[in-house]
Amino acid sequence: MVYRVTDARLERDQAQREHILGCAQHQVTEGGFASLTMSGLASSAGIATGSLYRHFPSKGALAAEVFARSTRLEVDTLRAQFDSKGSAAERLRKGIILFAARAWHSRQLAFALIAEPVEAEVDAERLRYRESYAELFANLLRDGNADGSFQVTNIPLTAACLVGATAESLVGPLSPQQRAARASGLPGESLESVTRNLVQFCLRALGAKEQTP
């Protein structure tokens, strides 16, 4: 007799998988990918360590899914801003401000997604989502060329440069060292300063006039 997995069992398995991912995402949000261990996750999820491997073949696979879920939210949020009303230059300005503000609000997670050393599986997802971000910027650049906001000749290359500039400009301020320095009262870059300079750089690179915030 062939054993058939029931719908109820499938639902329980899916619920457990979602529970595991939720606990894993919480750990990464609080301590980065370095804090994510299978034994620690099993304890926080209230299940046996072996049960984790029923859903994820390795820690790298689990971490990659946590990365994808977290980054997908950021991509979708930025897409909504880029697709909103207004000139392309204004949408770019607001999109960068929104992206930086969300990163600043969850500094540990943002640094983990952008720059923390990770397993190869997570690195692969990081590259894939860089392409997703670049596609968003490329679509906005096409709009900007059409409405006169920008003067861009090589859209794919320029879009990749904007993704790199946006991410790299935040690495330093979001780093553990800078977070610790600010917590101890030492001076450091503010969100407003970083965002203002990043917006100015991007708009000037595109041949646009800087918009007043």
N, C-alpha and C. Protein backbone atom coordinates (compact mmCIF):
# COMPACT_ATOMS: atom_id res chain seq x y z
N MET A 1 0.85 -1.20 0.00
CA MET A 1 0.00 0.00 0.00
C MET A 1 0.89 1.25 0.00
N VAL A 2 0.61 2.15 -0.90
CA VAL A 2 1.40 3.38 -1.01
C VAL A 2 0.90 4.39 0.02
N TYR A 3 1.85 4.93 0.79
CA TYR A 3 1.48 5.92 1.80
C TYR A 3 1.19 7.26 1.14
N ARG A 4 0.07 7.86 1.46
CA ARG A 4 -0.31 9.15 0.88
C ARG A 4 -0.30 10.21 1.98
N VAL A 5 0.45 11.28 1.70
CA VAL A 5 0.51 12.39 2.66
C VAL A 5 -0.81 13.15 2.62
N THR A 6 -1.43 13.30 3.77
CA THR A 6 -2.74 13.95 3.83
C THR A 6 -2.59 15.47 3.73
N ASP A 7 -3.69 16.11 3.37
CA ASP A 7 -3.70 17.57 3.30
C ASP A 7 -3.40 18.19 4.66
N ALA A 8 -3.92 17.56 5.71
CA ALA A 8 -3.69 18.06 7.07
C ALA A 8 -2.21 18.02 7.41
N ARG A 9 -1.53 16.94 7.01
CA ARG A 9 -0.09 16.82 7.28
C ARG A 9 0.69 17.88 6.49
N LEU A 10 0.30 18.09 5.25
CA LEU A 10 0.96 19.11 4.44
C LEU A 10 0.80 20.50 5.06
N GLU A 11 -0.39 20.76 5.59
CA GLU A 11 -0.63 22.05 6.22
C GLU A 11 0.20 22.20 7.48
N ARG A 12 0.32 21.13 8.27
CA ARG A 12 1.15 21.19 9.48
C ARG A 12 2.61 21.41 9.12
N ASP A 13 3.08 20.71 8.09
CA ASP A 13 4.47 20.88 7.67
C ASP A 13 4.73 22.30 7.20
N GLN A 14 3.79 22.86 6.43
CA GLN A 14 3.97 24.22 5.94
C GLN A 14 3.94 25.22 7.08
N ALA A 15 3.07 24.99 8.04
CA ALA A 15 2.99 25.88 9.20
C ALA A 15 4.29 25.81 10.00
N GLN A 16 4.83 24.60 10.17
CA GLN A 16 6.09 24.47 10.90
C GLN A 16 7.23 25.15 10.14
N ARG A 17 7.24 25.00 8.83
CA ARG A 17 8.28 25.64 8.02
C ARG A 17 8.22 27.16 8.16
N GLU A 18 7.02 27.71 8.11
CA GLU A 18 6.86 29.16 8.26
C GLU A 18 7.28 29.61 9.66
N HIS A 19 6.98 28.79 10.65
CA HIS A 19 7.40 29.11 12.02
C HIS A 19 8.92 29.13 12.13
N ILE A 20 9.56 28.16 11.53
CA ILE A 20 11.03 28.12 11.54
C ILE A 20 11.60 29.35 10.85
N LEU A 21 11.07 29.70 9.70
CA LEU A 21 11.56 30.86 8.97
C LEU A 21 11.35 32.15 9.77
N GLY A 22 10.22 32.23 10.44
CA GLY A 22 9.96 33.42 11.26
C GLY A 22 10.96 33.55 12.39
N CYS A 23 11.27 32.45 13.05
CA CYS A 23 12.26 32.47 14.13
C CYS A 23 13.65 32.79 13.59
N ALA A 24 13.98 32.22 12.43
CA ALA A 24 15.28 32.48 11.82
C ALA A 24 15.41 33.94 11.41
N GLN A 25 14.35 34.49 10.86
CA GLN A 25 14.40 35.89 10.46
C GLN A 25 14.56 36.81 11.67
N HIS A 26 13.93 36.45 12.77
CA HIS A 26 14.08 37.23 14.00
C HIS A 26 15.53 37.19 14.48
N GLN A 27 16.16 36.02 14.42
CA GLN A 27 17.55 35.92 14.85
C GLN A 27 18.46 36.77 13.98
N VAL A 28 18.24 36.74 12.67
CA VAL A 28 19.08 37.52 11.76
C VAL A 28 18.83 39.01 11.98
N THR A 29 17.60 39.39 12.20
CA THR A 29 17.29 40.79 12.45
C THR A 29 17.98 41.30 13.70
N GLU A 30 18.07 40.45 14.71
CA GLU A 30 18.67 40.85 15.98
C GLU A 30 20.19 40.75 15.98
N GLY A 31 20.75 39.76 15.29
CA GLY A 31 22.18 39.53 15.40
C GLY A 31 22.92 39.25 14.11
N GLY A 32 22.24 39.40 12.97
CA GLY A 32 22.89 39.12 11.70
C GLY A 32 22.96 37.63 11.42
N PHE A 33 23.48 37.29 10.24
CA PHE A 33 23.57 35.88 9.86
C PHE A 33 24.55 35.11 10.74
N ALA A 34 25.53 35.80 11.31
CA ALA A 34 26.48 35.12 12.19
C ALA A 34 25.80 34.53 13.41
N SER A 35 24.67 35.10 13.81
CA SER A 35 23.98 34.62 15.01
C SER A 35 23.07 33.42 14.72
N LEU A 36 22.91 33.10 13.44
CA LEU A 36 21.98 32.03 13.06
C LEU A 36 22.69 30.68 13.11
N THR A 37 22.31 29.86 14.07
CA THR A 37 22.83 28.49 14.16
C THR A 37 21.64 27.54 14.20
N MET A 38 21.86 26.34 13.72
CA MET A 38 20.77 25.37 13.68
C MET A 38 20.34 24.96 15.09
N SER A 39 21.30 24.80 15.99
CA SER A 39 20.95 24.41 17.34
C SER A 39 20.20 25.52 18.06
N GLY A 40 20.69 26.76 17.89
CA GLY A 40 20.01 27.90 18.51
C GLY A 40 18.63 28.11 17.94
N LEU A 41 18.50 27.92 16.63
CA LEU A 41 17.20 28.08 15.99
C LEU A 41 16.22 27.01 16.46
N ALA A 42 16.70 25.78 16.57
CA ALA A 42 15.83 24.70 17.05
C ALA A 42 15.30 25.01 18.44
N SER A 43 16.18 25.56 19.29
CA SER A 43 15.77 25.91 20.65
C SER A 43 14.72 27.01 20.65
N SER A 44 14.95 28.06 19.85
CA SER A 44 14.00 29.18 19.83
C SER A 44 12.68 28.78 19.18
N ALA A 45 12.74 27.85 18.22
CA ALA A 45 11.51 27.41 17.54
C ALA A 45 10.78 26.34 18.34
N GLY A 46 11.46 25.77 19.35
CA GLY A 46 10.82 24.76 20.18
C GLY A 46 10.67 23.42 19.49
N ILE A 47 11.64 23.07 18.62
CA ILE A 47 11.59 21.79 17.92
C ILE A 47 12.96 21.14 17.98
N ALA A 48 13.04 19.88 17.60
CA ALA A 48 14.30 19.17 17.57
C ALA A 48 15.15 19.66 16.40
N THR A 49 16.45 19.65 16.59
CA THR A 49 17.35 20.11 15.52
C THR A 49 17.14 19.30 14.25
N GLY A 50 16.93 18.01 14.40
CA GLY A 50 16.70 17.16 13.22
C GLY A 50 15.49 17.58 12.42
N SER A 51 14.49 18.17 13.07
CA SER A 51 13.29 18.60 12.36
C SER A 51 13.58 19.75 11.40
N LEU A 52 14.61 20.54 11.73
CA LEU A 52 14.97 21.64 10.82
C LEU A 52 15.39 21.10 9.47
N TYR A 53 16.11 19.98 9.50
CA TYR A 53 16.64 19.42 8.25
C TYR A 53 15.57 18.73 7.41
N ARG A 54 14.39 18.54 7.97
CA ARG A 54 13.27 18.04 7.16
C ARG A 54 12.82 19.13 6.20
N HIS A 55 13.03 20.38 6.58
CA HIS A 55 12.56 21.50 5.76
C HIS A 55 13.68 22.19 4.99
N PHE A 56 14.89 22.15 5.54
CA PHE A 56 16.02 22.84 4.92
C PHE A 56 17.23 21.91 4.93
N PRO A 57 17.83 21.64 3.78
CA PRO A 57 18.94 20.68 3.73
C PRO A 57 20.21 21.13 4.43
N SER A 58 20.35 22.43 4.64
CA SER A 58 21.57 22.95 5.27
C SER A 58 21.29 24.32 5.85
N LYS A 59 22.21 24.80 6.69
CA LYS A 59 22.09 26.15 7.22
C LYS A 59 22.15 27.18 6.10
N GLY A 60 23.00 26.91 5.10
CA GLY A 60 23.11 27.84 3.98
C GLY A 60 21.80 28.00 3.23
N ALA A 61 21.10 26.90 3.02
CA ALA A 61 19.80 26.95 2.33
C ALA A 61 18.78 27.73 3.15
N LEU A 62 18.79 27.51 4.46
CA LEU A 62 17.89 28.25 5.35
C LEU A 62 18.22 29.74 5.32
N ALA A 63 19.50 30.07 5.46
CA ALA A 63 19.90 31.48 5.46
C ALA A 63 19.56 32.16 4.14
N ALA A 64 19.70 31.42 3.04
CA ALA A 64 19.37 31.98 1.73
C ALA A 64 17.89 32.32 1.64
N GLU A 65 17.05 31.48 2.22
CA GLU A 65 15.62 31.78 2.17
C GLU A 65 15.26 32.97 3.07
N VAL A 66 15.92 33.05 4.23
CA VAL A 66 15.71 34.22 5.09
C VAL A 66 16.12 35.49 4.34
N PHE A 67 17.26 35.43 3.67
CA PHE A 67 17.72 36.57 2.90
C PHE A 67 16.70 36.95 1.82
N ALA A 68 16.24 35.95 1.08
CA ALA A 68 15.30 36.21 -0.01
C ALA A 68 14.00 36.83 0.49
N ARG A 69 13.47 36.31 1.59
CA ARG A 69 12.22 36.85 2.13
C ARG A 69 12.39 38.30 2.57
N SER A 70 13.51 38.59 3.25
CA SER A 70 13.74 39.94 3.74
C SER A 70 13.97 40.91 2.59
N THR A 71 14.77 40.49 1.62
CA THR A 71 15.12 41.38 0.51
C THR A 71 13.94 41.58 -0.42
N ARG A 72 13.12 40.56 -0.61
CA ARG A 72 11.95 40.69 -1.46
C ARG A 72 11.03 41.80 -0.96
N LEU A 73 10.90 41.91 0.34
CA LEU A 73 10.08 42.98 0.91
C LEU A 73 10.65 44.35 0.56
N GLU A 74 11.98 44.48 0.65
CA GLU A 74 12.61 45.76 0.33
C GLU A 74 12.47 46.09 -1.15
N VAL A 75 12.63 45.10 -2.01
CA VAL A 75 12.47 45.31 -3.45
C VAL A 75 11.04 45.74 -3.77
N ASP A 76 10.07 45.07 -3.18
CA ASP A 76 8.66 45.40 -3.44
C ASP A 76 8.33 46.80 -2.93
N THR A 77 8.89 47.17 -1.77
CA THR A 77 8.64 48.50 -1.22
C THR A 77 9.24 49.58 -2.12
N LEU A 78 10.45 49.36 -2.59
CA LEU A 78 11.08 50.33 -3.48
C LEU A 78 10.35 50.39 -4.82
N ARG A 79 9.88 49.26 -5.32
CA ARG A 79 9.14 49.25 -6.58
C ARG A 79 7.88 50.10 -6.46
N ALA A 80 7.18 49.96 -5.36
CA ALA A 80 5.96 50.74 -5.16
C ALA A 80 6.26 52.24 -5.19
N GLN A 81 7.37 52.64 -4.60
CA GLN A 81 7.74 54.06 -4.61
C GLN A 81 8.14 54.52 -6.01
N PHE A 82 8.92 53.73 -6.69
CA PHE A 82 9.35 54.09 -8.04
C PHE A 82 8.18 54.13 -9.02
N ASP A 83 7.15 53.34 -8.74
CA ASP A 83 5.99 53.30 -9.63
C ASP A 83 4.92 54.32 -9.26
N SER A 84 5.17 55.13 -8.26
CA SER A 84 4.17 56.12 -7.83
C SER A 84 4.12 57.30 -8.79
N LYS A 85 3.29 58.27 -8.48
CA LYS A 85 3.12 59.43 -9.36
C LYS A 85 4.27 60.42 -9.18
N GLY A 86 4.44 61.27 -10.17
CA GLY A 86 5.47 62.29 -10.10
C GLY A 86 6.55 62.08 -11.15
N SER A 87 7.43 63.04 -11.28
CA SER A 87 8.52 62.92 -12.24
C SER A 87 9.47 61.80 -11.80
N ALA A 88 10.24 61.31 -12.74
CA ALA A 88 11.19 60.25 -12.41
C ALA A 88 12.22 60.73 -11.39
N ALA A 89 12.64 61.97 -11.50
CA ALA A 89 13.62 62.52 -10.55
C ALA A 89 13.04 62.55 -9.14
N GLU A 90 11.79 62.95 -9.02
CA GLU A 90 11.16 63.00 -7.71
C GLU A 90 10.96 61.60 -7.14
N ARG A 91 10.58 60.66 -7.99
CA ARG A 91 10.39 59.28 -7.53
C ARG A 91 11.72 58.67 -7.10
N LEU A 92 12.79 59.01 -7.82
CA LEU A 92 14.11 58.51 -7.43
C LEU A 92 14.50 59.08 -6.07
N ARG A 93 14.33 60.37 -5.89
CA ARG A 93 14.67 61.01 -4.63
C ARG A 93 13.91 60.36 -3.47
N LYS A 94 12.60 60.20 -3.64
CA LYS A 94 11.80 59.62 -2.57
C LYS A 94 12.14 58.16 -2.34
N GLY A 95 12.48 57.45 -3.41
CA GLY A 95 12.84 56.04 -3.27
C GLY A 95 14.12 55.86 -2.47
N ILE A 96 15.12 56.68 -2.76
CA ILE A 96 16.38 56.60 -2.03
C ILE A 96 16.18 56.95 -0.56
N ILE A 97 15.40 58.00 -0.31
CA ILE A 97 15.12 58.40 1.07
C ILE A 97 14.41 57.26 1.82
N LEU A 98 13.44 56.63 1.17
CA LEU A 98 12.70 55.53 1.80
C LEU A 98 13.61 54.34 2.06
N PHE A 99 14.43 53.98 1.08
CA PHE A 99 15.33 52.84 1.24
C PHE A 99 16.30 53.08 2.40
N ALA A 100 16.89 54.26 2.44
CA ALA A 100 17.85 54.58 3.51
C ALA A 100 17.17 54.59 4.87
N ALA A 101 15.97 55.15 4.93
CA ALA A 101 15.26 55.22 6.21
C ALA A 101 14.92 53.83 6.73
N ARG A 102 14.49 52.94 5.85
CA ARG A 102 14.17 51.57 6.27
C ARG A 102 15.43 50.85 6.73
N ALA A 103 16.54 51.08 6.04
CA ALA A 103 17.80 50.47 6.45
C ALA A 103 18.22 50.99 7.82
N TRP A 104 18.08 52.31 8.04
CA TRP A 104 18.47 52.91 9.31
C TRP A 104 17.60 52.41 10.45
N HIS A 105 16.34 52.14 10.14
CA HIS A 105 15.40 51.68 11.17
C HIS A 105 15.76 50.28 11.65
N SER A 106 16.34 49.45 10.76
CA SER A 106 16.72 48.09 11.13
C SER A 106 18.17 47.88 10.70
N ARG A 107 19.08 48.54 11.43
CA ARG A 107 20.48 48.61 11.00
C ARG A 107 21.15 47.24 10.93
N GLN A 108 20.90 46.41 11.93
CA GLN A 108 21.55 45.09 11.95
C GLN A 108 21.13 44.26 10.75
N LEU A 109 19.83 44.22 10.48
CA LEU A 109 19.33 43.44 9.36
C LEU A 109 19.82 44.02 8.04
N ALA A 110 19.77 45.35 7.90
CA ALA A 110 20.20 45.99 6.66
C ALA A 110 21.67 45.68 6.37
N PHE A 111 22.52 45.76 7.39
CA PHE A 111 23.93 45.45 7.18
C PHE A 111 24.10 43.99 6.80
N ALA A 112 23.33 43.11 7.43
CA ALA A 112 23.42 41.69 7.11
C ALA A 112 23.04 41.43 5.65
N LEU A 113 22.00 42.12 5.18
CA LEU A 113 21.55 41.92 3.80
C LEU A 113 22.52 42.50 2.79
N ILE A 114 23.15 43.62 3.13
CA ILE A 114 23.99 44.32 2.16
C ILE A 114 25.43 43.82 2.17
N ALA A 115 26.01 43.61 3.34
CA ALA A 115 27.47 43.46 3.38
C ALA A 115 28.02 42.37 4.28
N GLU A 116 27.22 41.76 5.14
CA GLU A 116 27.80 40.77 6.06
C GLU A 116 28.35 39.56 5.30
N PRO A 117 29.54 39.07 5.66
CA PRO A 117 30.05 37.83 5.06
C PRO A 117 29.07 36.69 5.32
N VAL A 118 28.75 35.94 4.26
CA VAL A 118 27.69 34.94 4.36
C VAL A 118 28.09 33.67 3.60
N GLU A 119 27.24 32.64 3.74
CA GLU A 119 27.45 31.40 3.01
C GLU A 119 27.26 31.63 1.51
N ALA A 120 27.79 30.69 0.72
CA ALA A 120 27.72 30.81 -0.74
C ALA A 120 26.28 30.89 -1.22
N GLU A 121 25.37 30.17 -0.57
CA GLU A 121 23.97 30.18 -1.00
C GLU A 121 23.36 31.57 -0.84
N VAL A 122 23.75 32.26 0.24
CA VAL A 122 23.24 33.61 0.46
C VAL A 122 23.87 34.58 -0.52
N ASP A 123 25.14 34.40 -0.79
CA ASP A 123 25.81 35.26 -1.78
C ASP A 123 25.14 35.16 -3.14
N ALA A 124 24.71 33.95 -3.50
CA ALA A 124 24.02 33.77 -4.78
C ALA A 124 22.71 34.55 -4.80
N GLU A 125 21.98 34.51 -3.69
CA GLU A 125 20.74 35.28 -3.61
C GLU A 125 21.02 36.78 -3.64
N ARG A 126 22.10 37.17 -3.00
CA ARG A 126 22.46 38.59 -2.97
C ARG A 126 22.71 39.11 -4.39
N LEU A 127 23.40 38.34 -5.20
CA LEU A 127 23.65 38.74 -6.58
C LEU A 127 22.36 38.77 -7.38
N ARG A 128 21.50 37.80 -7.14
CA ARG A 128 20.23 37.75 -7.88
C ARG A 128 19.37 38.97 -7.56
N TYR A 129 19.34 39.35 -6.30
CA TYR A 129 18.52 40.49 -5.93
C TYR A 129 19.16 41.82 -6.31
N ARG A 130 20.49 41.85 -6.46
CA ARG A 130 21.12 43.04 -7.02
C ARG A 130 20.56 43.29 -8.42
N GLU A 131 20.37 42.21 -9.16
CA GLU A 131 19.80 42.33 -10.50
C GLU A 131 18.36 42.84 -10.45
N SER A 132 17.61 42.40 -9.43
CA SER A 132 16.23 42.88 -9.28
C SER A 132 16.21 44.38 -8.99
N TYR A 133 17.10 44.84 -8.11
CA TYR A 133 17.20 46.27 -7.84
C TYR A 133 17.60 47.02 -9.10
N ALA A 134 18.57 46.48 -9.84
CA ALA A 134 19.03 47.15 -11.05
C ALA A 134 17.89 47.29 -12.07
N GLU A 135 17.03 46.29 -12.13
CA GLU A 135 15.89 46.36 -13.05
C GLU A 135 14.94 47.49 -12.65
N LEU A 136 14.72 47.66 -11.35
CA LEU A 136 13.87 48.75 -10.88
C LEU A 136 14.45 50.10 -11.29
N PHE A 137 15.75 50.28 -11.05
CA PHE A 137 16.40 51.53 -11.42
C PHE A 137 16.37 51.74 -12.93
N ALA A 138 16.58 50.67 -13.70
CA ALA A 138 16.58 50.80 -15.16
C ALA A 138 15.23 51.27 -15.67
N ASN A 139 14.15 50.71 -15.12
CA ASN A 139 12.81 51.15 -15.54
C ASN A 139 12.58 52.61 -15.21
N LEU A 140 13.07 53.05 -14.05
CA LEU A 140 12.90 54.45 -13.67
C LEU A 140 13.74 55.35 -14.56
N LEU A 141 14.92 54.90 -14.94
CA LEU A 141 15.77 55.69 -15.83
C LEU A 141 15.12 55.88 -17.19
N ARG A 142 14.45 54.84 -17.67
CA ARG A 142 13.74 54.97 -18.95
C ARG A 142 12.63 56.01 -18.83
N ASP A 143 11.91 55.97 -17.72
CA ASP A 143 10.88 56.99 -17.49
C ASP A 143 11.51 58.38 -17.45
N GLY A 144 12.67 58.47 -16.80
CA GLY A 144 13.34 59.77 -16.68
C GLY A 144 13.83 60.31 -18.00
N ASN A 145 14.33 59.43 -18.85
CA ASN A 145 14.72 59.87 -20.19
C ASN A 145 13.51 60.37 -20.96
N ALA A 146 12.38 59.70 -20.76
CA ALA A 146 11.16 60.06 -21.49
C ALA A 146 10.57 61.38 -21.01
N ASP A 147 10.61 61.64 -19.69
CA ASP A 147 9.98 62.86 -19.18
C ASP A 147 10.96 64.02 -19.04
N GLY A 148 12.22 63.79 -19.44
CA GLY A 148 13.20 64.86 -19.40
C GLY A 148 13.91 65.03 -18.07
N SER A 149 13.65 64.12 -17.12
CA SER A 149 14.31 64.23 -15.81
C SER A 149 15.80 63.91 -15.90
N PHE A 150 16.14 62.91 -16.74
CA PHE A 150 17.50 62.41 -16.81
C PHE A 150 18.05 62.49 -18.23
N GLN A 151 19.35 62.33 -18.29
CA GLN A 151 20.04 62.24 -19.57
C GLN A 151 20.99 61.05 -19.49
N VAL A 152 20.47 59.86 -19.74
CA VAL A 152 21.23 58.63 -19.57
C VAL A 152 21.36 57.92 -20.91
N THR A 153 22.57 57.56 -21.28
CA THR A 153 22.79 56.87 -22.55
C THR A 153 22.85 55.36 -22.36
N ASN A 154 23.58 54.89 -21.34
CA ASN A 154 23.70 53.45 -21.10
C ASN A 154 22.89 53.12 -19.86
N ILE A 155 21.64 52.73 -20.06
CA ILE A 155 20.74 52.51 -18.92
C ILE A 155 21.15 51.32 -18.06
N PRO A 156 21.46 50.15 -18.62
CA PRO A 156 21.83 49.02 -17.74
C PRO A 156 23.05 49.32 -16.88
N LEU A 157 24.08 49.93 -17.47
CA LEU A 157 25.29 50.23 -16.70
C LEU A 157 25.00 51.27 -15.62
N THR A 158 24.24 52.30 -15.98
CA THR A 158 23.92 53.35 -15.02
C THR A 158 23.07 52.80 -13.87
N ALA A 159 22.13 51.92 -14.20
CA ALA A 159 21.29 51.32 -13.16
C ALA A 159 22.14 50.51 -12.18
N ALA A 160 23.10 49.75 -12.71
CA ALA A 160 23.99 48.98 -11.84
C ALA A 160 24.82 49.90 -10.95
N CYS A 161 25.26 51.02 -11.51
CA CYS A 161 26.04 51.99 -10.71
C CYS A 161 25.19 52.58 -9.59
N LEU A 162 23.93 52.86 -9.86
CA LEU A 162 23.05 53.41 -8.83
C LEU A 162 22.81 52.41 -7.70
N VAL A 163 22.64 51.14 -8.07
CA VAL A 163 22.47 50.11 -7.04
C VAL A 163 23.72 50.05 -6.17
N GLY A 164 24.89 50.04 -6.81
CA GLY A 164 26.13 49.98 -6.06
C GLY A 164 26.33 51.18 -5.16
N ALA A 165 26.05 52.37 -5.69
CA ALA A 165 26.23 53.59 -4.91
C ALA A 165 25.30 53.61 -3.70
N THR A 166 24.05 53.21 -3.90
CA THR A 166 23.08 53.22 -2.82
C THR A 166 23.48 52.25 -1.72
N ALA A 167 23.88 51.04 -2.11
CA ALA A 167 24.25 50.03 -1.12
C ALA A 167 25.56 50.40 -0.42
N GLU A 168 26.58 50.73 -1.20
CA GLU A 168 27.89 50.98 -0.61
C GLU A 168 27.91 52.21 0.29
N SER A 169 27.11 53.21 -0.02
CA SER A 169 27.10 54.41 0.80
C SER A 169 26.55 54.15 2.20
N LEU A 170 25.78 53.06 2.33
CA LEU A 170 25.17 52.73 3.62
C LEU A 170 26.00 51.74 4.44
N VAL A 171 26.96 51.06 3.80
CA VAL A 171 27.72 50.03 4.50
C VAL A 171 28.43 50.59 5.72
N GLY A 172 29.17 51.68 5.53
CA GLY A 172 29.90 52.26 6.65
C GLY A 172 29.00 52.68 7.80
N PRO A 173 28.00 53.55 7.54
CA PRO A 173 27.11 53.98 8.63
C PRO A 173 26.35 52.84 9.32
N LEU A 174 26.07 51.76 8.58
CA LEU A 174 25.33 50.64 9.16
C LEU A 174 26.22 49.60 9.82
N SER A 175 27.53 49.73 9.66
CA SER A 175 28.45 48.71 10.15
C SER A 175 28.41 48.60 11.67
N PRO A 176 28.76 47.45 12.21
CA PRO A 176 28.79 47.28 13.67
C PRO A 176 29.70 48.30 14.36
N GLN A 177 30.82 48.62 13.72
CA GLN A 177 31.75 49.59 14.31
C GLN A 177 31.11 50.97 14.45
N GLN A 178 30.44 51.41 13.39
CA GLN A 178 29.80 52.72 13.45
C GLN A 178 28.61 52.73 14.39
N ARG A 179 27.88 51.64 14.45
CA ARG A 179 26.76 51.57 15.39
C ARG A 179 27.27 51.64 16.81
N ALA A 180 28.36 50.95 17.10
CA ALA A 180 28.94 50.97 18.45
C ALA A 180 29.47 52.36 18.79
N ALA A 181 30.08 53.01 17.80
CA ALA A 181 30.62 54.35 18.04
C ALA A 181 29.51 55.34 18.36
N ARG A 182 28.42 55.28 17.60
CA ARG A 182 27.31 56.19 17.87
C ARG A 182 26.68 55.90 19.23
N ALA A 183 26.58 54.61 19.58
CA ALA A 183 26.00 54.24 20.86
C ALA A 183 26.83 54.75 22.03
N SER A 184 28.14 54.88 21.82
CA SER A 184 29.01 55.36 22.89
C SER A 184 29.12 56.88 22.91
N GLY A 185 28.40 57.54 22.01
CA GLY A 185 28.38 59.00 22.00
C GLY A 185 29.37 59.65 21.07
N LEU A 186 30.14 58.85 20.31
CA LEU A 186 31.08 59.43 19.37
C LEU A 186 30.33 59.98 18.15
N PRO A 187 30.85 61.02 17.53
CA PRO A 187 30.17 61.59 16.36
C PRO A 187 30.20 60.63 15.18
N GLY A 188 29.19 60.70 14.36
CA GLY A 188 29.12 59.84 13.18
C GLY A 188 28.13 60.41 12.18
N GLU A 189 28.08 59.79 11.02
CA GLU A 189 27.15 60.24 9.99
C GLU A 189 25.71 60.04 10.44
N SER A 190 24.88 61.04 10.18
CA SER A 190 23.46 60.92 10.48
C SER A 190 22.72 60.41 9.26
N LEU A 191 21.51 59.90 9.48
CA LEU A 191 20.67 59.46 8.37
C LEU A 191 20.44 60.60 7.39
N GLU A 192 20.16 61.77 7.92
CA GLU A 192 19.87 62.92 7.07
C GLU A 192 21.06 63.28 6.20
N SER A 193 22.26 63.27 6.78
CA SER A 193 23.46 63.62 6.03
C SER A 193 23.75 62.60 4.94
N VAL A 194 23.69 61.33 5.29
CA VAL A 194 23.96 60.27 4.32
C VAL A 194 22.96 60.34 3.17
N THR A 195 21.69 60.47 3.51
CA THR A 195 20.64 60.48 2.49
C THR A 195 20.76 61.70 1.59
N ARG A 196 21.00 62.85 2.18
CA ARG A 196 21.11 64.08 1.38
C ARG A 196 22.25 63.98 0.37
N ASN A 197 23.39 63.50 0.81
CA ASN A 197 24.53 63.40 -0.08
C ASN A 197 24.35 62.31 -1.14
N LEU A 198 23.70 61.23 -0.76
CA LEU A 198 23.44 60.16 -1.71
C LEU A 198 22.47 60.62 -2.80
N VAL A 199 21.41 61.30 -2.42
CA VAL A 199 20.45 61.81 -3.39
C VAL A 199 21.12 62.81 -4.32
N GLN A 200 21.91 63.70 -3.77
CA GLN A 200 22.61 64.70 -4.57
C GLN A 200 23.54 64.02 -5.58
N PHE A 201 24.28 63.03 -5.13
CA PHE A 201 25.21 62.32 -6.01
C PHE A 201 24.45 61.65 -7.16
N CYS A 202 23.38 60.93 -6.84
CA CYS A 202 22.65 60.19 -7.87
C CYS A 202 22.00 61.12 -8.89
N LEU A 203 21.37 62.20 -8.42
CA LEU A 203 20.71 63.11 -9.35
C LEU A 203 21.72 63.82 -10.25
N ARG A 204 22.84 64.21 -9.68
CA ARG A 204 23.86 64.86 -10.50
C ARG A 204 24.44 63.89 -11.51
N ALA A 205 24.63 62.64 -11.13
CA ALA A 205 25.17 61.64 -12.05
C ALA A 205 24.23 61.41 -13.23
N LEU A 206 22.96 61.66 -13.02
CA LEU A 206 21.96 61.44 -14.07
C LEU A 206 21.65 62.70 -14.87
N GLY A 207 22.35 63.77 -14.55
CA GLY A 207 22.11 65.03 -15.26
C GLY A 207 20.83 65.71 -14.86
N ALA A 208 20.36 65.42 -13.64
CA ALA A 208 19.12 66.03 -13.14
C ALA A 208 19.43 67.12 -12.13
N LYS A 209 18.51 68.00 -11.95
CA LYS A 209 18.64 69.01 -10.93
C LYS A 209 18.19 68.42 -9.60
N GLU A 210 18.94 68.72 -8.54
CA GLU A 210 18.55 68.22 -7.22
C GLU A 210 17.23 68.83 -6.79
N GLN A 211 16.35 67.98 -6.29
CA GLN A 211 15.05 68.44 -5.84
C GLN A 211 15.12 68.85 -4.38
N THR A 212 14.33 69.81 -3.99
CA THR A 212 14.27 70.22 -2.60
C THR A 212 13.45 69.21 -1.81
N PRO A 213 14.03 68.62 -0.73
CA PRO A 213 13.30 67.61 0.05
C PRO A 213 11.98 68.16 0.59
